Amino acid sequence: LNKTVYVLFLLFQILGAVILGFGIWILADKTSFIAVLQRSSPSLTTSAYILIAVGALTMLMGFLGCLGAVNEIRCLLGLYFSCLMIILLAQIAAALVIYFQKETLKAELSGMVINLIENYDPADEDQRNFRDAWDYVQTQIACCGWTGAKEWENNEIIRNKSNTEYPCSCSNRSKDLMEGRGFCSLEDPVNGTATYADWPVHEQGCMDGVEQWLKDNLGIILGVCTGVAVIELLGMILSISLCKNIHSEDYTKVPKS
């Protein structure tokens, strides 16, 4: 039994460290799609702080659960069980909120990205982190705009240049991607006003790319979530079993009259 306790203790330390690290990564990341999501939905930042708290609490509960099991302290085992149940219920609630609010979140993200594209200005230092994050998304997913490159025609700078410039991070040419940010100029002169069809950019919008990424990684995401839930359930079952054993042993130690 002691070996089982120690194994679960180690698992909860690892689990807590992973959750804690994930929350810190969300707050610290400034150059990926996570940064874009933070700007589209402030609730993601709040979620990151919650993850940090849950990770720290999970590590603490692992320690208290191990201490309660080794020293047969029922109140610590009861606290361990209660906290695990609260964490598990909170995770289920969060999953349900995300599932039922996914269309709202998608609409918020779409509006935010379109607004970013329209106001994209390489000279604006205040928006640099957010701008770099979106350039990173377009480069990594090989996409352009949210639903397509045409959205970039609404950018004020590109419109003033008669669409003879285009975002470098959208380009399908390696020399443009070496720049990776800001605007690149059309090499071939265009009579009159150009259109997005004249740009050497990817046709796919980033919305499709993001959805495809989620579909490709859905199995991994669900597997990790299921693994976390199973570990928490095992911890709850073990703690309740230990509580019953301690209770039974206490009665057996009572001298018979």
Protein backbone atom coordinates (compact mmCIF):
# COMPACT_ATOMS: atom_id res chain seq x y z
CA LEU A 1 0.00 0.00 0.00
CA ASN A 2 2.86 2.35 0.85
CA LYS A 3 4.29 1.89 -2.65
CA THR A 4 0.92 2.82 -4.14
CA VAL A 5 0.78 5.93 -1.97
CA TYR A 6 4.26 7.01 -3.04
CA VAL A 7 3.50 6.40 -6.73
CA LEU A 8 0.31 8.49 -6.52
CA PHE A 9 2.21 11.17 -4.61
CA LEU A 10 4.80 11.31 -7.41
CA LEU A 11 2.07 11.40 -10.08
CA PHE A 12 0.36 14.32 -8.37
CA GLN A 13 3.61 16.24 -8.10
CA ILE A 14 4.21 15.75 -11.84
CA LEU A 15 0.56 16.55 -12.66
CA GLY A 16 0.64 19.70 -10.53
CA ALA A 17 3.93 20.81 -12.07
CA VAL A 18 2.55 20.31 -15.61
CA ILE A 19 -0.63 22.31 -14.86
CA LEU A 20 1.41 25.03 -13.14
CA GLY A 21 3.88 25.20 -16.02
CA PHE A 22 1.08 25.36 -18.59
CA GLY A 23 -0.50 28.33 -16.79
CA ILE A 24 2.85 30.16 -16.64
CA TRP A 25 3.46 29.42 -20.33
CA ILE A 26 0.12 30.97 -21.32
CA LEU A 27 0.99 34.18 -19.47
CA ALA A 28 4.60 34.32 -20.71
CA ASP A 29 4.04 33.36 -24.37
CA LYS A 30 4.04 36.44 -26.60
CA THR A 31 4.88 34.99 -30.02
CA SER A 32 2.30 32.30 -30.79
CA PHE A 33 -1.43 31.80 -31.27
CA ILE A 34 -1.83 31.78 -27.46
CA ALA A 35 -0.92 35.49 -27.43
CA VAL A 36 -3.61 36.18 -30.03
CA LEU A 37 -6.17 34.23 -27.99
CA GLN A 38 -5.30 36.24 -24.88
CA ARG A 39 -6.10 39.48 -26.70
CA SER A 40 -9.36 38.10 -28.14
CA SER A 41 -10.64 36.79 -24.83
CA PRO A 42 -9.42 38.27 -21.50
CA SER A 43 -10.92 35.20 -19.81
CA LEU A 44 -7.91 33.21 -21.11
CA THR A 45 -5.60 35.27 -18.90
CA THR A 46 -7.91 34.60 -15.95
CA SER A 47 -7.86 30.90 -16.86
CA ALA A 48 -4.05 30.97 -16.81
CA TYR A 49 -4.05 32.27 -13.23
CA ILE A 50 -6.59 29.59 -12.31
CA LEU A 51 -4.34 26.92 -13.85
CA ILE A 52 -1.38 28.20 -11.81
CA ALA A 53 -3.48 28.06 -8.63
CA VAL A 54 -4.81 24.58 -9.46
CA GLY A 55 -1.30 23.31 -10.25
CA ALA A 56 0.09 24.62 -6.97
CA LEU A 57 -2.91 23.22 -5.08
CA THR A 58 -2.52 19.82 -6.77
CA MET A 59 1.13 19.61 -5.70
CA LEU A 60 0.21 20.64 -2.16
CA MET A 61 -2.63 18.10 -2.04
CA GLY A 62 -0.28 15.37 -3.24
CA PHE A 63 2.05 16.15 -0.34
CA LEU A 64 -0.77 16.33 2.23
CA GLY A 65 -2.36 13.13 0.91
CA CYS A 66 0.93 11.26 1.21
CA LEU A 67 1.51 12.69 4.70
CA GLY A 68 -2.01 11.72 5.79
CA ALA A 69 -1.66 8.17 4.41
CA VAL A 70 1.76 7.48 5.96
CA ASN A 71 0.83 8.91 9.36
CA GLU A 72 -2.81 7.71 9.18
CA ILE A 73 -4.24 11.21 9.71
CA ARG A 74 -7.89 11.05 8.68
CA CYS A 75 -8.49 14.80 8.52
CA LEU A 76 -5.66 15.23 5.99
CA LEU A 77 -7.04 12.39 3.88
CA GLY A 78 -10.50 13.97 4.06
CA LEU A 79 -9.08 17.35 3.02
CA TYR A 80 -7.18 15.65 0.20
CA PHE A 81 -10.39 13.96 -1.05
CA SER A 82 -12.44 17.18 -0.83
CA CYS A 83 -9.91 19.27 -2.72
CA LEU A 84 -9.57 16.64 -5.44
CA MET A 85 -13.33 16.53 -5.87
CA ILE A 86 -13.51 20.35 -6.12
CA ILE A 87 -10.71 20.40 -8.72
CA LEU A 88 -12.36 17.64 -10.77
CA LEU A 89 -15.77 19.36 -10.69
CA ALA A 90 -14.14 22.68 -11.67
CA GLN A 91 -12.46 20.99 -14.65
CA ILE A 92 -15.76 19.47 -15.79
CA ALA A 93 -17.50 22.86 -15.42
CA ALA A 94 -14.75 24.60 -17.43
CA ALA A 95 -15.00 22.00 -20.19
CA LEU A 96 -18.78 22.45 -20.38
CA VAL A 97 -18.47 26.26 -20.53
CA ILE A 98 -15.93 26.03 -23.38
CA TYR A 99 -18.11 23.53 -25.25
CA PHE A 100 -21.33 25.53 -25.01
CA GLN A 101 -19.64 28.91 -25.56
CA LYS A 102 -17.41 27.82 -28.47
CA GLU A 103 -19.40 29.77 -31.08
CA THR A 104 -19.27 32.92 -28.95
CA LEU A 105 -15.52 32.52 -28.44
CA LYS A 106 -15.05 31.91 -32.16
CA ALA A 107 -17.00 35.10 -32.99
CA GLU A 108 -14.93 37.13 -30.50
CA LEU A 109 -11.69 35.79 -31.97
CA SER A 110 -12.86 36.49 -35.53
CA GLY A 111 -13.76 40.11 -34.70
CA MET A 112 -10.46 40.66 -32.92
CA VAL A 113 -8.33 39.28 -35.77
CA ILE A 114 -10.22 41.30 -38.42
CA ASN A 115 -9.71 44.44 -36.33
CA LEU A 116 -5.99 43.62 -36.02
CA ILE A 117 -5.67 43.19 -39.79
CA GLU A 118 -7.41 46.49 -40.52
CA ASN A 119 -5.19 48.40 -38.07
CA TYR A 120 -1.93 46.47 -38.62
CA ASP A 121 0.91 49.02 -38.58
CA PRO A 122 4.58 47.93 -38.37
CA ALA A 123 5.47 51.33 -36.89
CA ASP A 124 3.10 50.95 -33.92
CA GLU A 125 5.30 49.74 -31.06
CA ASP A 126 2.34 49.47 -28.65
CA GLN A 127 0.92 46.61 -30.73
CA ARG A 128 4.25 44.93 -31.46
CA ASN A 129 3.77 41.76 -29.37
CA PHE A 130 0.26 41.20 -30.67
CA ARG A 131 1.37 41.94 -34.25
CA ASP A 132 4.34 39.57 -34.00
CA ALA A 133 2.08 36.86 -32.60
CA TRP A 134 -0.24 37.10 -35.61
CA ASP A 135 2.71 37.12 -38.04
CA TYR A 136 3.92 33.95 -36.32
CA VAL A 137 0.49 32.31 -36.75
CA GLN A 138 0.31 33.18 -40.47
CA THR A 139 3.87 31.92 -41.04
CA GLN A 140 3.51 28.67 -39.10
CA ILE A 141 0.07 27.69 -40.41
CA ALA A 142 0.86 28.99 -43.93
CA CYS A 143 -2.34 31.04 -44.06
CA CYS A 144 -3.41 34.61 -44.76
CA GLY A 145 -6.10 36.61 -42.96
CA TRP A 146 -8.83 34.98 -40.90
CA THR A 147 -11.03 33.75 -43.73
CA GLY A 148 -8.72 34.72 -46.60
CA ALA A 149 -6.20 37.21 -47.98
CA LYS A 150 -8.95 39.58 -49.20
CA GLU A 151 -9.37 40.88 -45.64
CA TRP A 152 -5.94 42.50 -45.90
CA GLU A 153 -7.29 44.84 -48.62
CA ASN A 154 -9.06 46.67 -45.77
CA ASN A 155 -5.76 47.53 -44.11
CA GLU A 156 -5.29 51.32 -44.23
CA ILE A 157 -1.60 51.22 -45.16
CA ILE A 158 -2.07 48.66 -47.94
CA ARG A 159 -5.10 50.55 -49.26
CA ASN A 160 -3.08 53.79 -49.42
CA LYS A 161 -0.42 51.94 -51.43
CA SER A 162 -3.08 50.80 -53.96
CA ASN A 163 -2.62 47.19 -52.77
CA THR A 164 0.89 47.07 -54.21
CA GLU A 165 2.11 45.88 -50.81
CA TYR A 166 1.10 42.75 -48.90
CA PRO A 167 1.92 41.18 -45.49
CA CYS A 168 5.28 39.38 -45.60
CA SER A 169 4.08 36.69 -43.16
CA CYS A 170 1.38 35.67 -45.68
CA SER A 171 3.86 35.17 -48.51
CA ASN A 172 4.54 31.82 -50.14
CA ARG A 173 8.02 32.99 -51.16
CA SER A 174 10.96 32.08 -48.92
CA LYS A 175 12.73 35.44 -49.30
CA ASP A 176 9.65 37.27 -47.95
CA LEU A 177 9.41 34.83 -45.03
CA MET A 178 12.99 35.68 -44.05
CA GLU A 179 11.60 39.12 -43.18
CA GLY A 180 8.55 37.49 -41.60
CA ARG A 181 6.85 40.73 -40.55
CA GLY A 182 5.62 44.05 -41.93
CA PHE A 183 4.81 44.57 -45.59
CA CYS A 184 6.54 43.42 -48.77
CA SER A 185 6.21 45.09 -52.19
CA LEU A 186 5.09 43.54 -55.45
CA GLU A 187 8.07 43.02 -57.75
CA ASP A 188 6.12 43.29 -60.98
CA PRO A 189 4.60 46.71 -61.67
CA VAL A 190 0.81 46.73 -61.71
CA ASN A 191 -1.18 49.15 -63.82
CA GLY A 192 -3.70 50.88 -61.58
CA THR A 193 -4.82 49.28 -58.32
CA ALA A 194 -3.75 45.73 -57.55
CA THR A 195 -5.92 43.17 -55.73
CA TYR A 196 -5.14 40.39 -53.29
CA ALA A 197 -5.20 38.00 -56.28
CA ASP A 198 -1.98 39.68 -57.50
CA TRP A 199 -0.16 38.94 -54.22
CA PRO A 200 2.16 35.90 -53.87
CA VAL A 201 0.37 34.77 -50.70
CA HIS A 202 -1.32 31.65 -49.31
CA GLU A 203 -4.96 31.21 -50.27
CA GLN A 204 -6.05 29.45 -47.08
CA GLY A 205 -7.48 31.58 -44.25
CA CYS A 206 -6.09 31.01 -40.76
CA MET A 207 -9.52 30.03 -39.39
CA ASP A 208 -9.43 26.82 -41.43
CA GLY A 209 -5.83 26.18 -40.39
CA VAL A 210 -6.58 26.64 -36.69
CA GLU A 211 -9.64 24.37 -36.90
CA GLN A 212 -7.60 21.73 -38.72
CA TRP A 213 -4.89 21.93 -36.05
CA LEU A 214 -7.49 21.40 -33.34
CA LYS A 215 -8.93 18.41 -35.21
CA ASP A 216 -5.47 16.89 -35.72
CA ASN A 217 -4.60 17.28 -32.04
CA LEU A 218 -8.04 16.55 -30.57
CA GLY A 219 -7.05 12.99 -29.67
CA ILE A 220 -3.99 14.19 -27.75
CA ILE A 221 -6.00 16.89 -25.94
CA LEU A 222 -8.75 14.45 -24.95
CA GLY A 223 -6.18 11.84 -23.93
CA VAL A 224 -4.37 14.26 -21.61
CA CYS A 225 -7.66 15.46 -20.07
CA THR A 226 -8.83 11.87 -19.56
CA GLY A 227 -5.49 10.89 -18.00
CA VAL A 228 -5.68 13.81 -15.57
CA ALA A 229 -9.25 12.88 -14.58
CA VAL A 230 -8.31 9.19 -14.07
CA ILE A 231 -5.37 10.12 -11.81
CA GLU A 232 -7.63 12.39 -9.76
CA LEU A 233 -10.30 9.67 -9.45
CA LEU A 234 -7.65 7.15 -8.34
CA GLY A 235 -6.48 9.59 -5.71
CA MET A 236 -10.03 10.08 -4.45
CA ILE A 237 -10.71 6.32 -4.31
CA LEU A 238 -7.43 5.62 -2.52
CA SER A 239 -7.96 8.37 0.04
CA ILE A 240 -11.47 7.16 0.89
CA SER A 241 -10.24 3.56 1.19
CA LEU A 242 -7.46 4.63 3.54
CA CYS A 243 -9.94 6.62 5.63
CA LYS A 244 -12.13 3.51 6.04
CA ASN A 245 -9.13 1.34 6.92
CA ILE A 246 -7.96 3.79 9.55
CA HIS A 247 -11.50 3.94 10.96
CA SER A 248 -11.68 0.13 11.13
CA GLU A 249 -8.26 -0.16 12.75
CA ASP A 250 -9.27 2.37 15.40
CA TYR A 251 -12.18 0.14 16.41
CA THR A 252 -10.06 -3.00 16.52
CA LYS A 253 -7.69 -1.28 18.93
CA VAL A 254 -10.49 -0.65 21.44
CA PRO A 255 -10.08 -3.18 24.32
CA LYS A 256 -12.96 -5.58 24.85
CA SER A 257 -14.78 -5.32 28.18
